[in-house]
Protein backbone atom coordinates (compact mmCIF):
# COMPACT_ATOMS: atom_id res chain seq x y z
CA UNK A 1 0.00 0.00 0.00
CA UNK A 2 1.40 3.39 -0.97
CA UNK A 3 0.97 6.15 1.57
CA UNK A 4 1.60 9.86 1.57
CA UNK A 5 3.66 12.05 3.78
CA UNK A 6 1.70 13.49 6.71
CA UNK A 7 3.51 16.78 6.17
CA UNK A 8 2.42 16.85 2.51
CA UNK A 9 -1.19 16.21 3.57
CA UNK A 10 -0.98 18.92 6.20
CA UNK A 11 0.46 21.41 3.71
CA UNK A 12 -2.22 20.62 1.12
CA UNK A 13 -5.01 20.84 3.71
CA UNK A 14 -3.73 24.08 5.23
CA UNK A 15 -3.44 25.70 1.78
CA UNK A 16 -7.05 24.80 1.03
CA UNK A 17 -8.14 26.12 4.42
CA UNK A 18 -6.05 29.26 3.93
CA UNK A 19 -7.58 29.97 0.52
CA UNK A 20 -11.12 29.39 1.74
CA UNK A 21 -10.92 31.38 4.96
CA UNK A 22 -8.22 34.00 4.48
CA UNK A 23 -8.38 34.87 0.82
CA UNK A 24 -9.42 38.23 -0.53
CA UNK A 25 -12.83 36.84 -1.43
CA UNK A 26 -14.00 36.97 2.19
CA UNK A 27 -12.29 39.37 4.55
CA UNK A 28 -10.96 42.01 2.18
CA UNK A 29 -14.26 43.24 0.72
CA UNK A 30 -15.75 43.29 4.22
CA UNK A 31 -12.88 45.46 5.48
CA UNK A 32 -13.06 47.78 2.48
CA UNK A 33 -16.85 48.03 2.83
CA UNK A 34 -16.55 48.81 6.54
CA UNK A 35 -14.11 51.63 5.80
CA UNK A 36 -16.37 53.05 3.10
CA UNK A 37 -19.45 52.82 5.33
CA UNK A 38 -17.59 54.73 8.04
CA UNK A 39 -16.88 57.51 5.53
CA UNK A 40 -13.15 56.89 5.29
CA UNK A 41 -11.33 56.67 1.99
CA UNK A 42 -8.80 54.04 2.93
CA UNK A 43 -7.48 51.48 0.49
CA UNK A 44 -7.40 47.98 1.95
CA UNK A 45 -4.99 45.37 0.67
CA UNK A 46 -4.06 41.81 1.52
CA UNK A 47 -0.74 39.99 1.72
CA UNK A 48 0.24 36.67 3.26
CA UNK A 49 3.51 35.30 4.54
CA UNK A 50 3.00 31.76 3.27
CA UNK A 51 0.55 31.85 0.34
CA UNK A 52 -0.67 34.05 -2.50
CA UNK A 53 -0.96 36.94 -2.54
CA UNK A 54 2.36 37.26 -0.75
CA UNK A 55 3.34 40.30 1.32
CA UNK A 56 5.30 41.90 -1.52
CA UNK A 57 2.37 41.43 -3.91
CA UNK A 58 -0.08 43.06 -1.50
CA UNK A 59 2.23 45.98 -0.80
CA UNK A 60 2.96 46.46 -4.51
CA UNK A 61 -0.77 46.54 -5.29
CA UNK A 62 -1.32 49.31 -2.75
CA UNK A 63 1.77 51.26 -3.85
CA UNK A 64 0.77 50.94 -7.52
CA UNK A 65 -2.61 52.42 -6.56
CA UNK A 66 -0.83 55.43 -5.06
CA UNK A 67 -0.46 54.54 -1.37
CA UNK A 68 2.68 56.03 0.13
CA UNK A 69 2.09 55.24 3.80
CA UNK A 70 0.86 51.72 4.49
CA UNK A 71 -0.24 50.35 7.85
CA UNK A 72 0.25 46.60 8.22
CA UNK A 73 -1.83 44.61 10.68
CA UNK A 74 -0.39 41.11 11.13
CA UNK A 75 -3.14 38.72 12.11
CA UNK A 76 -0.86 37.08 14.66
CA UNK A 77 -1.45 38.77 17.99
CA UNK A 78 1.55 37.36 19.84
CA UNK A 79 5.17 38.48 20.18
CA UNK A 80 7.30 35.61 18.93
CA UNK A 81 9.66 34.95 16.05
CA UNK A 82 6.96 33.61 13.72
CA UNK A 83 4.27 35.96 15.02
CA UNK A 84 6.23 39.21 14.95
CA UNK A 85 9.86 39.22 13.87
CA UNK A 86 9.23 37.06 10.78
CA UNK A 87 6.61 39.57 9.64
CA UNK A 88 9.17 42.37 9.94
CA UNK A 89 11.71 40.32 7.98
CA UNK A 90 9.16 39.68 5.22
CA UNK A 91 8.30 43.38 5.09
CA UNK A 92 12.01 44.31 4.94
CA UNK A 93 12.51 41.81 2.11
CA UNK A 94 9.52 43.16 0.18
CA UNK A 95 10.74 46.74 0.56
CA UNK A 96 14.24 45.77 -0.58
CA UNK A 97 12.71 44.25 -3.72
CA UNK A 98 11.03 47.62 -4.41
CA UNK A 99 14.43 49.39 -4.64
CA UNK A 100 14.05 52.07 -7.29
CA UNK A 101 10.49 51.09 -8.19
CA UNK A 102 8.84 53.46 -5.71
CA UNK A 103 11.83 55.55 -4.69
CA UNK A 104 13.19 55.14 -1.18
CA UNK A 105 10.99 52.60 0.64
CA UNK A 106 11.41 51.86 4.33
CA UNK A 107 9.84 50.13 7.29
CA UNK A 108 8.71 52.78 9.75
CA UNK A 109 9.12 52.43 13.48
CA UNK A 110 6.21 51.01 15.42
CA UNK A 111 6.50 53.84 17.92
CA UNK A 112 7.38 56.84 15.74
CA UNK A 113 5.87 58.40 12.65
CA UNK A 114 8.73 60.79 11.85
CA UNK A 115 11.62 58.38 11.38
CA UNK A 116 11.53 58.24 7.59
CA UNK A 117 11.14 61.82 6.36
CA UNK A 118 12.92 61.18 3.05
CA UNK A 119 11.06 57.98 2.18
CA UNK A 120 8.57 57.94 -0.66
CA UNK A 121 6.99 54.70 0.63
CA UNK A 122 6.69 53.94 4.34
CA UNK A 123 5.29 50.73 5.77
CA UNK A 124 4.36 50.71 9.46
CA UNK A 125 3.57 47.45 11.26
CA UNK A 126 1.13 47.44 14.18
CA UNK A 127 2.78 46.06 17.30
CA UNK A 128 1.69 42.68 18.69
CA UNK A 129 -1.66 43.17 20.36
CA UNK A 130 -1.90 40.16 22.67
CA UNK A 131 -1.80 42.38 25.76
CA UNK A 132 -3.94 45.33 24.70
CA UNK A 133 -7.13 45.97 26.70
CA UNK A 134 -9.38 45.06 23.75
CA UNK A 135 -7.67 41.73 23.17
CA UNK A 136 -7.49 40.85 26.86
CA UNK A 137 -11.14 41.83 27.38
CA UNK A 138 -12.32 39.81 24.38
CA UNK A 139 -10.32 36.78 25.52
CA UNK A 140 -11.67 37.06 29.08
CA UNK A 141 -15.25 37.29 27.77
CA UNK A 142 -14.69 34.25 25.56
CA UNK A 143 -13.20 32.31 28.49
CA UNK A 144 -16.17 33.17 30.74
CA UNK A 145 -18.61 32.09 28.02
CA UNK A 146 -16.77 28.80 27.50
CA UNK A 147 -16.62 28.12 31.22
CA UNK A 148 -20.32 28.87 31.59
CA UNK A 149 -21.18 26.42 28.78
CA UNK A 150 -18.94 23.76 30.32
CA UNK A 151 -20.66 24.19 33.70
CA UNK A 152 -24.09 23.78 32.03
CA UNK A 153 -22.92 20.47 30.53
CA UNK A 154 -21.60 19.26 33.91
CA UNK A 155 -24.85 20.06 35.74
C-alpha atoms as a PDB file:
ATOM      1  CA  UNK A   1       0.000   0.000   0.000  1.00  0.00           C
ATOM      2  CA  UNK A   2       1.397   3.395  -0.966  1.00  0.00           C
ATOM      3  CA  UNK A   3       0.969   6.147   1.567  1.00  0.00           C
ATOM      4  CA  UNK A   4       1.598   9.858   1.565  1.00  0.00           C
ATOM      5  CA  UNK A   5       3.663  12.052   3.776  1.00  0.00           C
ATOM      6  CA  UNK A   6       1.701  13.489   6.715  1.00  0.00           C
ATOM      7  CA  UNK A   7       3.509  16.782   6.175  1.00  0.00           C
ATOM      8  CA  UNK A   8       2.418  16.850   2.509  1.00  0.00           C
ATOM      9  CA  UNK A   9      -1.190  16.209   3.569  1.00  0.00           C
ATOM     10  CA  UNK A  10      -0.980  18.921   6.197  1.00  0.00           C
ATOM     11  CA  UNK A  11       0.464  21.410   3.713  1.00  0.00           C
ATOM     12  CA  UNK A  12      -2.222  20.618   1.125  1.00  0.00           C
ATOM     13  CA  UNK A  13      -5.009  20.844   3.708  1.00  0.00           C
ATOM     14  CA  UNK A  14      -3.731  24.075   5.226  1.00  0.00           C
ATOM     15  CA  UNK A  15      -3.441  25.696   1.778  1.00  0.00           C
ATOM     16  CA  UNK A  16      -7.046  24.797   1.034  1.00  0.00           C
ATOM     17  CA  UNK A  17      -8.139  26.123   4.420  1.00  0.00           C
ATOM     18  CA  UNK A  18      -6.054  29.257   3.930  1.00  0.00           C
ATOM     19  CA  UNK A  19      -7.577  29.967   0.519  1.00  0.00           C
ATOM     20  CA  UNK A  20     -11.118  29.386   1.738  1.00  0.00           C
ATOM     21  CA  UNK A  21     -10.922  31.383   4.962  1.00  0.00           C
ATOM     22  CA  UNK A  22      -8.222  33.998   4.480  1.00  0.00           C
ATOM     23  CA  UNK A  23      -8.383  34.872   0.818  1.00  0.00           C
ATOM     24  CA  UNK A  24      -9.420  38.228  -0.533  1.00  0.00           C
ATOM     25  CA  UNK A  25     -12.834  36.839  -1.432  1.00  0.00           C
ATOM     26  CA  UNK A  26     -13.999  36.971   2.191  1.00  0.00           C
ATOM     27  CA  UNK A  27     -12.289  39.372   4.547  1.00  0.00           C
ATOM     28  CA  UNK A  28     -10.958  42.009   2.179  1.00  0.00           C
ATOM     29  CA  UNK A  29     -14.265  43.237   0.723  1.00  0.00           C
ATOM     30  CA  UNK A  30     -15.749  43.292   4.215  1.00  0.00           C
ATOM     31  CA  UNK A  31     -12.877  45.455   5.483  1.00  0.00           C
ATOM     32  CA  UNK A  32     -13.061  47.785   2.485  1.00  0.00           C
ATOM     33  CA  UNK A  33     -16.854  48.028   2.834  1.00  0.00           C
ATOM     34  CA  UNK A  34     -16.552  48.812   6.538  1.00  0.00           C
ATOM     35  CA  UNK A  35     -14.114  51.632   5.803  1.00  0.00           C
ATOM     36  CA  UNK A  36     -16.371  53.055   3.100  1.00  0.00           C
ATOM     37  CA  UNK A  37     -19.452  52.816   5.334  1.00  0.00           C
ATOM     38  CA  UNK A  38     -17.594  54.726   8.038  1.00  0.00           C
ATOM     39  CA  UNK A  39     -16.885  57.508   5.533  1.00  0.00           C
ATOM     40  CA  UNK A  40     -13.153  56.888   5.289  1.00  0.00           C
ATOM     41  CA  UNK A  41     -11.333  56.667   1.993  1.00  0.00           C
ATOM     42  CA  UNK A  42      -8.798  54.043   2.926  1.00  0.00           C
ATOM     43  CA  UNK A  43      -7.479  51.481   0.494  1.00  0.00           C
ATOM     44  CA  UNK A  44      -7.405  47.983   1.947  1.00  0.00           C
ATOM     45  CA  UNK A  45      -4.985  45.368   0.670  1.00  0.00           C
ATOM     46  CA  UNK A  46      -4.065  41.808   1.523  1.00  0.00           C
ATOM     47  CA  UNK A  47      -0.744  39.989   1.717  1.00  0.00           C
ATOM     48  CA  UNK A  48       0.235  36.668   3.255  1.00  0.00           C
ATOM     49  CA  UNK A  49       3.507  35.301   4.543  1.00  0.00           C
ATOM     50  CA  UNK A  50       3.003  31.764   3.265  1.00  0.00           C
ATOM     51  CA  UNK A  51       0.555  31.852   0.343  1.00  0.00           C
ATOM     52  CA  UNK A  52      -0.671  34.051  -2.505  1.00  0.00           C
ATOM     53  CA  UNK A  53      -0.965  36.944  -2.539  1.00  0.00           C
ATOM     54  CA  UNK A  54       2.364  37.256  -0.748  1.00  0.00           C
ATOM     55  CA  UNK A  55       3.343  40.303   1.323  1.00  0.00           C
ATOM     56  CA  UNK A  56       5.299  41.900  -1.520  1.00  0.00           C
ATOM     57  CA  UNK A  57       2.365  41.433  -3.912  1.00  0.00           C
ATOM     58  CA  UNK A  58      -0.083  43.059  -1.498  1.00  0.00           C
ATOM     59  CA  UNK A  59       2.228  45.982  -0.797  1.00  0.00           C
ATOM     60  CA  UNK A  60       2.955  46.465  -4.505  1.00  0.00           C
ATOM     61  CA  UNK A  61      -0.770  46.535  -5.290  1.00  0.00           C
ATOM     62  CA  UNK A  62      -1.325  49.311  -2.748  1.00  0.00           C
ATOM     63  CA  UNK A  63       1.768  51.259  -3.847  1.00  0.00           C
ATOM     64  CA  UNK A  64       0.767  50.938  -7.522  1.00  0.00           C
ATOM     65  CA  UNK A  65      -2.610  52.421  -6.556  1.00  0.00           C
ATOM     66  CA  UNK A  66      -0.829  55.427  -5.058  1.00  0.00           C
ATOM     67  CA  UNK A  67      -0.460  54.535  -1.372  1.00  0.00           C
ATOM     68  CA  UNK A  68       2.681  56.032   0.125  1.00  0.00           C
ATOM     69  CA  UNK A  69       2.090  55.236   3.796  1.00  0.00           C
ATOM     70  CA  UNK A  70       0.856  51.716   4.490  1.00  0.00           C
ATOM     71  CA  UNK A  71      -0.240  50.353   7.853  1.00  0.00           C
ATOM     72  CA  UNK A  72       0.249  46.601   8.216  1.00  0.00           C
ATOM     73  CA  UNK A  73      -1.832  44.606  10.680  1.00  0.00           C
ATOM     74  CA  UNK A  74      -0.394  41.113  11.132  1.00  0.00           C
ATOM     75  CA  UNK A  75      -3.135  38.717  12.108  1.00  0.00           C
ATOM     76  CA  UNK A  76      -0.863  37.085  14.657  1.00  0.00           C
ATOM     77  CA  UNK A  77      -1.450  38.770  17.995  1.00  0.00           C
ATOM     78  CA  UNK A  78       1.549  37.356  19.842  1.00  0.00           C
ATOM     79  CA  UNK A  79       5.173  38.478  20.179  1.00  0.00           C
ATOM     80  CA  UNK A  80       7.304  35.607  18.934  1.00  0.00           C
ATOM     81  CA  UNK A  81       9.661  34.954  16.048  1.00  0.00           C
ATOM     82  CA  UNK A  82       6.962  33.613  13.724  1.00  0.00           C
ATOM     83  CA  UNK A  83       4.268  35.965  15.017  1.00  0.00           C
ATOM     84  CA  UNK A  84       6.233  39.206  14.948  1.00  0.00           C
ATOM     85  CA  UNK A  85       9.862  39.215  13.874  1.00  0.00           C
ATOM     86  CA  UNK A  86       9.234  37.058  10.784  1.00  0.00           C
ATOM     87  CA  UNK A  87       6.606  39.567   9.636  1.00  0.00           C
ATOM     88  CA  UNK A  88       9.168  42.370   9.944  1.00  0.00           C
ATOM     89  CA  UNK A  89      11.709  40.324   7.983  1.00  0.00           C
ATOM     90  CA  UNK A  90       9.158  39.683   5.218  1.00  0.00           C
ATOM     91  CA  UNK A  91       8.305  43.380   5.092  1.00  0.00           C
ATOM     92  CA  UNK A  92      12.007  44.305   4.935  1.00  0.00           C
ATOM     93  CA  UNK A  93      12.513  41.812   2.113  1.00  0.00           C
ATOM     94  CA  UNK A  94       9.521  43.163   0.183  1.00  0.00           C
ATOM     95  CA  UNK A  95      10.736  46.740   0.563  1.00  0.00           C
ATOM     96  CA  UNK A  96      14.240  45.769  -0.577  1.00  0.00           C
ATOM     97  CA  UNK A  97      12.708  44.252  -3.720  1.00  0.00           C
ATOM     98  CA  UNK A  98      11.027  47.615  -4.415  1.00  0.00           C
ATOM     99  CA  UNK A  99      14.428  49.390  -4.643  1.00  0.00           C
ATOM    100  CA  UNK A 100      14.050  52.074  -7.293  1.00  0.00           C
ATOM    101  CA  UNK A 101      10.494  51.092  -8.192  1.00  0.00           C
ATOM    102  CA  UNK A 102       8.843  53.459  -5.712  1.00  0.00           C
ATOM    103  CA  UNK A 103      11.830  55.552  -4.691  1.00  0.00           C
ATOM    104  CA  UNK A 104      13.188  55.138  -1.179  1.00  0.00           C
ATOM    105  CA  UNK A 105      10.992  52.603   0.645  1.00  0.00           C
ATOM    106  CA  UNK A 106      11.407  51.861   4.332  1.00  0.00           C
ATOM    107  CA  UNK A 107       9.842  50.132   7.293  1.00  0.00           C
ATOM    108  CA  UNK A 108       8.711  52.775   9.748  1.00  0.00           C
ATOM    109  CA  UNK A 109       9.119  52.434  13.482  1.00  0.00           C
ATOM    110  CA  UNK A 110       6.215  51.013  15.418  1.00  0.00           C
ATOM    111  CA  UNK A 111       6.497  53.844  17.922  1.00  0.00           C
ATOM    112  CA  UNK A 112       7.376  56.842  15.735  1.00  0.00           C
ATOM    113  CA  UNK A 113       5.870  58.395  12.648  1.00  0.00           C
ATOM    114  CA  UNK A 114       8.731  60.788  11.851  1.00  0.00           C
ATOM    115  CA  UNK A 115      11.622  58.377  11.384  1.00  0.00           C
ATOM    116  CA  UNK A 116      11.532  58.240   7.590  1.00  0.00           C
ATOM    117  CA  UNK A 117      11.136  61.820   6.357  1.00  0.00           C
ATOM    118  CA  UNK A 118      12.921  61.179   3.050  1.00  0.00           C
ATOM    119  CA  UNK A 119      11.062  57.981   2.182  1.00  0.00           C
ATOM    120  CA  UNK A 120       8.574  57.937  -0.659  1.00  0.00           C
ATOM    121  CA  UNK A 121       6.991  54.699   0.629  1.00  0.00           C
ATOM    122  CA  UNK A 122       6.694  53.940   4.345  1.00  0.00           C
ATOM    123  CA  UNK A 123       5.294  50.727   5.771  1.00  0.00           C
ATOM    124  CA  UNK A 124       4.365  50.711   9.459  1.00  0.00           C
ATOM    125  CA  UNK A 125       3.570  47.451  11.262  1.00  0.00           C
ATOM    126  CA  UNK A 126       1.132  47.439  14.178  1.00  0.00           C
ATOM    127  CA  UNK A 127       2.777  46.060  17.302  1.00  0.00           C
ATOM    128  CA  UNK A 128       1.693  42.685  18.687  1.00  0.00           C
ATOM    129  CA  UNK A 129      -1.659  43.165  20.355  1.00  0.00           C
ATOM    130  CA  UNK A 130      -1.900  40.162  22.673  1.00  0.00           C
ATOM    131  CA  UNK A 131      -1.796  42.376  25.760  1.00  0.00           C
ATOM    132  CA  UNK A 132      -3.944  45.328  24.701  1.00  0.00           C
ATOM    133  CA  UNK A 133      -7.129  45.971  26.701  1.00  0.00           C
ATOM    134  CA  UNK A 134      -9.381  45.061  23.751  1.00  0.00           C
ATOM    135  CA  UNK A 135      -7.672  41.725  23.173  1.00  0.00           C
ATOM    136  CA  UNK A 136      -7.492  40.851  26.864  1.00  0.00           C
ATOM    137  CA  UNK A 137     -11.138  41.828  27.384  1.00  0.00           C
ATOM    138  CA  UNK A 138     -12.322  39.809  24.385  1.00  0.00           C
ATOM    139  CA  UNK A 139     -10.323  36.779  25.520  1.00  0.00           C
ATOM    140  CA  UNK A 140     -11.668  37.056  29.083  1.00  0.00           C
ATOM    141  CA  UNK A 141     -15.248  37.292  27.774  1.00  0.00           C
ATOM    142  CA  UNK A 142     -14.687  34.247  25.560  1.00  0.00           C
ATOM    143  CA  UNK A 143     -13.200  32.309  28.491  1.00  0.00           C
ATOM    144  CA  UNK A 144     -16.168  33.170  30.742  1.00  0.00           C
ATOM    145  CA  UNK A 145     -18.606  32.089  28.016  1.00  0.00           C
ATOM    146  CA  UNK A 146     -16.768  28.798  27.496  1.00  0.00           C
ATOM    147  CA  UNK A 147     -16.617  28.120  31.221  1.00  0.00           C
ATOM    148  CA  UNK A 148     -20.316  28.868  31.585  1.00  0.00           C
ATOM    149  CA  UNK A 149     -21.180  26.421  28.780  1.00  0.00           C
ATOM    150  CA  UNK A 150     -18.942  23.761  30.315  1.00  0.00           C
ATOM    151  CA  UNK A 151     -20.655  24.186  33.695  1.00  0.00           C
ATOM    152  CA  UNK A 152     -24.086  23.780  32.027  1.00  0.00           C
ATOM    153  CA  UNK A 153     -22.924  20.474  30.534  1.00  0.00           C
ATOM    154  CA  UNK A 154     -21.604  19.262  33.909  1.00  0.00           C
ATOM    155  CA  UNK A 155     -24.847  20.062  35.744  1.00  0.00           C
END
